[in-house]
Protein backbone atom coordinates (compact mmCIF):
# COMPACT_ATOMS: atom_id res chain seq x y z
CA MET A 1 -4.52 20.30 -5.09
CA ASN A 2 -8.26 19.97 -5.69
CA GLU A 3 -8.24 16.66 -3.80
CA THR A 4 -6.58 18.39 -0.83
CA LEU A 5 -9.17 21.16 -0.82
CA SER A 6 -11.98 18.63 -1.01
CA ARG A 7 -10.49 16.66 1.88
CA ASP A 8 -10.09 19.77 4.05
CA LYS A 9 -13.67 20.85 3.34
CA GLN A 10 -14.99 17.42 4.34
CA ILE A 11 -13.04 17.50 7.61
CA ILE A 12 -14.19 21.02 8.49
CA ARG A 13 -17.83 20.35 7.57
CA THR A 14 -17.91 17.16 9.62
CA SER A 15 -16.28 18.95 12.56
CA ILE A 16 -18.85 21.76 12.46
CA ILE A 17 -21.65 19.19 12.56
CA GLY A 18 -19.94 17.65 15.59
CA ILE A 19 -19.65 21.01 17.34
CA LEU A 20 -23.33 21.87 16.87
CA ALA A 21 -24.52 18.43 17.97
CA ASN A 22 -22.30 18.34 21.07
CA VAL A 23 -23.10 21.87 22.26
CA PHE A 24 -26.82 21.12 21.86
CA LEU A 25 -26.54 17.88 23.84
CA ALA A 26 -24.30 19.42 26.51
CA GLY A 27 -26.86 22.16 27.26
CA PHE A 28 -29.74 19.73 27.66
CA LYS A 29 -27.77 17.24 29.73
CA ALA A 30 -26.38 19.91 32.05
CA VAL A 31 -29.89 21.18 32.86
CA VAL A 32 -31.27 17.67 33.38
CA GLY A 33 -28.28 16.47 35.40
CA LEU A 34 -28.30 19.41 37.78
CA ALA A 35 -32.06 19.18 38.26
CA SER A 36 -31.97 15.44 38.99
CA HIS A 37 -28.72 15.50 41.03
CA SER A 38 -27.27 12.93 38.62
CA VAL A 39 -23.48 12.92 38.49
CA ALA A 40 -23.56 10.60 35.47
CA ILE A 41 -25.67 12.98 33.39
CA VAL A 42 -23.60 16.02 34.41
CA MET A 43 -20.43 14.07 33.59
CA ASP A 44 -21.94 13.23 30.23
CA ALA A 45 -22.66 16.94 29.58
CA VAL A 46 -19.05 17.87 30.35
CA ASN A 47 -17.89 15.13 28.04
CA ASN A 48 -20.02 16.60 25.24
CA LEU A 49 -18.27 19.94 25.69
CA SER A 50 -14.90 18.23 25.44
CA ASP A 51 -16.11 16.62 22.20
CA ALA A 52 -17.04 20.05 20.85
CA ALA A 53 -13.57 21.28 21.79
CA SER A 54 -12.09 18.30 19.94
CA SER A 55 -13.95 19.33 16.80
CA VAL A 56 -12.64 22.89 17.13
CA ILE A 57 -9.09 21.53 17.45
CA THR A 58 -9.66 19.40 14.36
CA ILE A 59 -10.72 22.45 12.35
CA VAL A 60 -7.76 24.54 13.54
CA GLY A 61 -5.35 21.66 12.89
CA THR A 62 -6.71 21.13 9.38
CA LYS A 63 -6.41 24.83 8.57
CA LEU A 64 -2.82 25.03 9.84
CA ALA A 65 -1.82 21.78 8.12
CA GLY A 66 -3.05 23.18 4.80
CA ARG A 67 -0.54 26.03 4.83
CA ALA A 68 1.79 26.15 1.84
CA PRO A 69 5.42 25.08 2.29
CA ASP A 70 7.88 27.87 3.05
CA ARG A 71 11.59 28.34 3.60
CA LYS A 72 11.46 27.17 7.23
CA HIS A 73 9.22 24.15 6.52
CA PRO A 74 9.86 23.16 2.89
CA PHE A 75 7.95 19.88 3.31
CA GLY A 76 4.76 21.67 4.41
CA TYR A 77 2.76 21.61 7.62
CA GLY A 78 0.82 18.37 7.15
CA ARG A 79 2.14 16.80 10.36
CA ILE A 80 0.18 19.36 12.38
CA GLU A 81 -2.80 17.03 11.89
CA TYR A 82 -0.97 14.43 13.97
CA LEU A 83 -0.44 17.02 16.70
CA SER A 84 -4.14 17.92 16.72
CA ALA A 85 -5.01 14.22 16.94
CA MET A 86 -2.64 13.96 19.91
CA VAL A 87 -4.34 16.90 21.65
CA ILE A 88 -7.73 15.25 21.14
CA SER A 89 -6.48 12.00 22.64
CA LEU A 90 -5.18 13.98 25.64
CA LEU A 91 -8.63 15.59 26.03
CA VAL A 92 -10.23 12.15 25.99
CA LEU A 93 -7.71 10.97 28.58
CA TYR A 94 -8.36 14.04 30.76
CA ALA A 95 -12.12 13.54 30.52
CA GLY A 96 -11.70 9.93 31.59
CA VAL A 97 -9.52 10.80 34.58
CA THR A 98 -11.90 13.61 35.65
CA ALA A 99 -14.90 11.32 35.31
CA PHE A 100 -13.19 8.64 37.37
CA VAL A 101 -12.34 11.10 40.16
CA GLU A 102 -15.92 12.43 40.29
CA SER A 103 -17.35 8.91 40.30
CA VAL A 104 -15.11 7.89 43.20
CA LYS A 105 -16.23 10.98 45.12
CA LYS A 106 -19.87 9.99 44.61
CA ILE A 107 -19.11 6.45 45.75
CA ILE A 108 -17.65 7.83 48.99
CA HIS A 109 -20.32 10.53 49.41
CA PRO A 110 -23.37 9.32 47.46
CA ASP A 111 -26.28 11.55 46.40
CA THR A 112 -29.78 10.24 45.97
CA PRO A 113 -30.61 10.52 42.25
CA ASP A 114 -33.91 11.95 41.11
CA TYR A 115 -34.80 10.50 37.72
CA SER A 116 -37.72 11.95 35.83
CA ALA A 117 -39.35 10.67 32.67
CA ALA A 118 -38.19 13.77 30.81
CA SER A 119 -34.58 13.29 31.85
CA LEU A 120 -34.57 9.66 30.77
CA ILE A 121 -36.10 10.53 27.40
CA ILE A 122 -33.43 13.19 26.82
CA VAL A 123 -30.64 10.79 27.76
CA GLY A 124 -32.17 8.12 25.49
CA ALA A 125 -32.30 10.59 22.61
CA ALA A 126 -28.69 11.51 23.32
CA VAL A 127 -27.68 7.86 22.96
CA VAL A 128 -29.16 7.73 19.47
CA VAL A 129 -27.61 11.06 18.45
CA LYS A 130 -24.15 10.12 19.70
CA ILE A 131 -24.19 6.70 18.04
CA VAL A 132 -25.20 8.21 14.70
CA LEU A 133 -22.73 11.09 15.09
CA GLY A 134 -19.88 8.78 16.13
CA LEU A 135 -20.38 6.41 13.21
CA TYR A 136 -20.65 9.32 10.75
CA VAL A 137 -17.57 11.18 12.01
CA LYS A 138 -15.43 8.03 12.16
CA ARG A 139 -16.55 6.95 8.67
CA VAL A 140 -15.57 10.32 7.20
CA GLY A 141 -12.31 10.21 9.16
CA VAL A 142 -11.39 6.85 7.66
CA LYS A 143 -12.44 8.02 4.20
CA VAL A 144 -10.25 11.14 4.24
CA ASN A 145 -7.48 9.59 6.39
CA SER A 146 -7.91 12.01 9.30
CA ASP A 147 -6.80 10.69 12.70
CA SER A 148 -8.46 13.66 14.39
CA LEU A 149 -11.88 12.74 12.98
CA VAL A 150 -11.36 9.05 13.70
CA ASN A 151 -10.50 9.86 17.33
CA SER A 152 -13.49 12.20 17.62
CA GLY A 153 -15.80 9.56 16.19
CA GLU A 154 -14.47 6.92 18.59
CA ASP A 155 -14.96 9.35 21.48
CA ALA A 156 -18.58 9.93 20.43
CA LYS A 157 -19.19 6.18 20.48
CA LEU A 158 -17.79 6.05 24.02
CA ASP A 159 -20.16 8.84 24.99
CA SER A 160 -23.11 6.80 23.78
CA ILE A 161 -21.94 3.96 26.03
CA ILE A 162 -21.81 6.35 28.99
CA SER A 163 -25.37 7.46 28.27
CA LEU A 164 -26.50 3.84 28.00
CA THR A 165 -25.01 3.05 31.40
CA THR A 166 -26.87 6.06 32.81
CA LEU A 167 -30.12 4.61 31.53
CA ALA A 168 -29.18 1.22 32.95
CA ALA A 169 -28.41 2.78 36.33
CA ALA A 170 -31.75 4.61 36.25
CA ALA A 171 -33.59 1.38 35.49
CA VAL A 172 -31.88 -0.40 38.39
CA TYR A 173 -32.70 2.46 40.77
CA LEU A 174 -36.36 2.73 39.72
CA LEU A 175 -36.92 -1.04 39.92
CA PHE A 176 -34.88 -1.94 42.98
CA GLY A 177 -34.10 1.37 44.72
CA LEU A 178 -30.37 0.70 44.35
CA SER A 179 -28.12 3.54 43.15
CA ILE A 180 -25.22 2.18 41.10
CA GLU A 181 -24.53 5.03 38.72
CA ALA A 182 -21.37 6.14 40.55
CA TRP A 183 -19.95 2.63 40.24
CA LEU A 184 -20.94 2.42 36.59
CA GLY A 185 -19.44 5.87 36.07
CA ALA A 186 -16.11 4.65 37.49
CA VAL A 187 -16.11 1.61 35.20
CA ILE A 188 -16.90 3.66 32.09
CA ALA A 189 -14.31 6.27 33.09
CA ALA A 190 -11.72 3.49 33.17
CA VAL A 191 -12.81 2.47 29.65
CA ILE A 192 -12.42 6.08 28.48
CA ILE A 193 -8.93 6.29 30.02
CA LYS A 194 -7.93 3.10 28.22
CA SER A 195 -9.29 4.45 24.93
CA GLY A 196 -7.47 7.76 25.41
CA LEU A 197 -4.18 5.96 26.05
CA GLU A 198 -4.64 3.85 22.91
CA MET A 199 -5.42 6.94 20.79
CA LEU A 200 -2.35 8.70 22.20
CA SER A 201 -0.15 5.68 21.54
CA ASP A 202 -1.33 5.39 17.92
CA THR A 203 -0.77 9.08 17.23
CA LEU A 204 2.69 9.14 18.84
CA SER A 205 3.62 6.10 16.77
CA LYS A 206 2.77 8.01 13.57
CA ILE A 207 4.72 11.06 14.73
CA LEU A 208 7.75 8.86 15.40
CA GLY A 209 7.44 7.35 11.92
CA GLU A 210 5.81 4.05 11.02
CA ARG A 211 6.47 1.54 8.28
CA ALA A 212 4.81 2.55 5.02
CA ASP A 213 1.49 0.94 4.16
CA ALA A 214 2.32 -2.44 2.61
CA GLU A 215 -0.35 -2.14 -0.09
CA LEU A 216 0.87 1.31 -1.15
CA ALA A 217 4.45 0.02 -1.29
CA ARG A 218 3.42 -2.94 -3.45
CA ASP A 219 1.42 -0.69 -5.79
CA ILE A 220 4.32 1.73 -6.24
CA LYS A 221 6.74 -1.11 -6.97
CA ALA A 222 4.28 -2.58 -9.47
CA THR A 223 4.08 0.77 -11.25
CA VAL A 224 7.86 1.05 -11.41
CA MET A 225 8.18 -2.53 -12.62
CA GLY A 226 5.70 -1.76 -15.39
CA PHE A 227 8.45 -0.03 -17.40
CA PRO A 228 10.08 -2.45 -19.90
CA ASP A 229 13.70 -1.68 -18.98
CA VAL A 230 13.13 -2.16 -15.22
CA SER A 231 13.71 -5.72 -14.03
CA GLY A 232 13.37 -4.98 -10.30
CA ALA A 233 12.32 -2.28 -7.81
CA TYR A 234 13.93 -2.33 -4.36
CA ASP A 235 14.71 -0.32 -1.23
CA LEU A 236 11.51 1.73 -1.39
CA ILE A 237 11.53 4.31 1.40
CA LEU A 238 8.51 6.54 2.02
CA HIS A 239 8.59 9.60 4.27
CA ASN A 240 5.26 10.82 5.58
CA TYR A 241 4.76 14.56 5.99
CA GLY A 242 1.08 14.38 6.92
CA PRO A 243 -1.88 12.20 5.89
CA ASP A 244 -1.53 11.22 2.24
CA ALA A 245 1.58 13.40 1.86
CA TYR A 246 4.46 11.12 0.88
CA GLN A 247 7.93 11.64 -0.53
CA GLY A 248 10.37 8.84 -1.06
CA SER A 249 13.08 7.06 -2.98
CA VAL A 250 13.52 3.73 -4.73
CA HIS A 251 16.22 1.71 -6.44
CA ILE A 252 15.65 0.12 -9.82
CA GLU A 253 17.54 -2.63 -11.63
CA VAL A 254 18.29 -2.01 -15.32
CA PRO A 255 20.53 -3.58 -18.01
CA ASP A 256 24.18 -2.56 -17.96
CA THR A 257 23.84 -1.62 -21.63
CA LEU A 258 21.40 1.23 -21.04
CA ARG A 259 22.74 4.58 -22.27
CA ALA A 260 22.85 7.62 -19.97
CA ASN A 261 20.29 9.66 -21.95
CA ASP A 262 17.90 6.69 -22.08
CA LEU A 263 18.34 6.17 -18.35
CA ASP A 264 17.64 9.83 -17.67
CA ASP A 265 14.44 9.65 -19.72
CA LEU A 266 13.41 6.46 -17.89
CA LEU A 267 13.88 8.00 -14.43
CA ARG A 268 11.82 11.05 -15.36
CA ARG A 269 8.98 8.93 -16.73
CA ILE A 270 8.97 6.77 -13.59
CA SER A 271 8.75 9.85 -11.35
CA VAL A 272 5.83 11.28 -13.32
CA GLU A 273 3.97 7.96 -13.39
CA VAL A 274 4.35 7.31 -9.64
CA TYR A 275 3.15 10.80 -8.77
CA SER A 276 0.22 10.57 -11.18
CA LYS A 277 -0.96 7.20 -9.89
CA HIS A 278 -0.06 7.31 -6.19
CA ASN A 279 0.45 11.00 -5.32
CA VAL A 280 3.96 10.16 -4.10
CA ILE A 281 6.93 12.35 -4.98
CA LEU A 282 10.06 10.31 -5.69
CA THR A 283 12.89 12.62 -4.71
CA ALA A 284 15.53 10.09 -5.76
CA ILE A 285 15.76 6.97 -7.91
CA GLY A 286 18.91 4.92 -7.48
CA VAL A 287 20.14 2.59 -10.20
CA TYR A 288 21.45 -0.99 -10.05
CA SER A 289 22.84 -2.57 -13.22
CA TYR A 290 22.86 -6.27 -14.02
CA ASN A 291 25.09 -8.26 -16.36
CA THR A 292 23.62 -8.85 -19.80
CA THR A 293 26.61 -10.08 -21.86
CA ASP A 294 28.36 -12.46 -19.45
CA PRO A 295 26.81 -15.96 -19.19
CA GLU A 296 29.17 -16.86 -16.34
CA ALA A 297 27.83 -13.91 -14.30
CA ALA A 298 24.30 -15.28 -14.61
CA GLN A 299 25.46 -18.65 -13.26
CA MET A 300 27.32 -16.95 -10.42
CA ARG A 301 24.20 -14.96 -9.55
CA ASP A 302 22.16 -18.16 -9.20
CA THR A 303 24.82 -19.79 -7.04
CA VAL A 304 25.18 -16.76 -4.76
CA ARG A 305 21.41 -16.38 -4.47
CA GLU A 306 21.10 -19.98 -3.32
CA LEU A 307 23.78 -19.47 -0.67
CA VAL A 308 22.29 -16.18 0.55
CA MET A 309 18.66 -17.22 0.68
CA ALA A 310 19.57 -20.33 2.67
CA GLN A 311 20.51 -18.08 5.59
CA PRO A 312 17.81 -17.47 8.23
CA HIS A 313 16.12 -14.03 8.32
CA VAL A 314 17.23 -13.08 4.79
CA LEU A 315 14.24 -11.65 2.94
CA GLN A 316 15.81 -10.73 -0.37
CA MET A 317 18.94 -10.45 -2.47
CA HIS A 318 19.22 -7.91 -5.29
CA ALA A 319 21.59 -5.57 -7.17
CA PHE A 320 23.91 -8.44 -8.11
CA TYR A 321 26.72 -7.54 -10.50
CA VAL A 322 30.03 -9.15 -11.40
CA ASN A 323 33.02 -7.18 -12.64
CA GLN A 324 35.21 -9.89 -14.16
CA ALA A 325 38.02 -7.52 -15.03
CA GLU A 326 38.46 -6.48 -11.40
CA GLN A 327 37.34 -9.83 -9.92
CA ARG A 328 34.65 -8.07 -7.88
CA ILE A 329 31.14 -9.18 -6.84
CA ARG A 330 28.59 -6.77 -5.43
CA PHE A 331 25.03 -7.25 -4.21
CA ASP A 332 22.61 -6.16 -1.48
CA VAL A 333 20.72 -8.30 1.03
CA VAL A 334 17.60 -7.43 3.00
CA VAL A 335 17.79 -8.80 6.55
CA SER A 336 14.66 -8.94 8.68
CA PHE A 337 14.29 -7.06 11.96
CA ASP A 338 13.42 -10.45 13.45
CA ALA A 339 17.08 -11.45 13.34
CA LYS A 340 18.66 -11.34 16.79
CA ASP A 341 21.93 -10.02 15.33
CA ARG A 342 21.59 -8.68 11.78
CA ASN A 343 25.33 -8.06 11.50
CA ALA A 344 25.99 -11.71 12.36
CA VAL A 345 23.72 -12.72 9.47
CA LEU A 346 25.71 -10.47 7.14
CA ARG A 347 29.01 -11.95 8.36
CA SER A 348 27.71 -15.47 7.75
CA ILE A 349 26.66 -14.53 4.20
CA THR A 350 30.05 -12.97 3.53
CA ASP A 351 31.92 -16.05 4.75
CA LYS A 352 29.89 -18.47 2.62
CA VAL A 353 30.09 -16.42 -0.58
CA GLN A 354 33.81 -15.78 -0.06
CA SER A 355 34.38 -19.52 0.37
CA ALA A 356 32.57 -20.17 -2.92
CA TYR A 357 34.52 -17.45 -4.78
CA PRO A 358 37.84 -16.98 -2.92
CA GLY A 359 39.46 -15.02 -5.73
CA TYR A 360 36.85 -12.27 -5.73
CA THR A 361 36.49 -9.11 -3.70
CA LEU A 362 33.03 -8.84 -2.16
CA GLN A 363 30.95 -5.67 -1.75
CA ILE A 364 27.84 -6.69 0.19
CA ALA A 365 25.45 -4.05 1.53
CA MET A 366 22.83 -4.84 4.15
CA ASP A 367 19.48 -3.21 3.46
CA THR A 368 16.51 -2.73 5.78
CA ASP A 369 13.00 -3.97 5.03
CA PHE A 370 11.43 -0.51 5.13
CA SER A 371 8.43 -1.50 3.03
CA GLU A 372 7.68 -5.14 3.84
CA GLU A 373 10.00 -6.70 1.29
CA GLU A 374 8.90 -10.16 0.18
CA PRO A 375 11.38 -13.03 0.11
CA ALA A 376 12.88 -13.51 -3.36
CA LYS A 377 11.58 -16.46 -5.34
């Protein structure tokens, strides 16, 4: 809980710094742009106001996302941060489209710019401020895993590029008498539109639900495998309910001689350890048993594994168990999304194993590589 409070405070503090800096810059640029009849500088001022609005949205989103779970939303409100990041990306996209329209208007009906030394100094100072602000905001965003801050920081860096092009346009005009700022404005507006679309795409992807971070998945499995009675950890599924807010499930492989009370104690200790180390709540831990007293079952496992892993697009085989009394073999296979027809792969596996053990009933389940499963060795 203390980590969450610390994270929220960092996001809000960084956003307030962004608001103050952007409002200050917007006021100066608006005065200078209107006085010099520079569409680029005025456009830059408007963009600063949109940045300030982005910071306000980040603060509101962070506050709402920090609300405690309730009956209607038992998993909390953490995903609101993704919605605020989406709104910011839409603001960036809107700013880019507006800037492009205004630039095209100035290309069709050009104004003669009037650059003064004071205006160029202010724009130059703005470049430095926006670069520093953008790097700072994005760094904090990455540190606390806030897409809203990352998007705001990226937007600030784009603003510094706009200001640089304004200075470049001023230099060209003062040296050669050629006004190109409207053309440069159109080019930069296109860059902003592209950036806005990329931000929107990334945020929508997270709202839809992405594959869990591979490193986190490996770390969780390593923690689970650290318990002496666990010989394998499989089928890890992580559900994201906001940045750094995960719940999930996993299957473990244990000896078939483990008693129920020992198994219950093991599952509880695994849950506590995973939450303590990774801040992930395991809502369910499934159990696979493996043969420990049947030497023939071990040989059968090796034979079946060789047949299964020889098939293309098979990443892993696990949960193998032989019930000799009922002549039944069961196991799971993980088939890659790269397979053109995953069901065809499963049918091929079934046919080959059935041919090798015609007297046995097969129970083969096809799993999905939710957490970047590695091929079995």
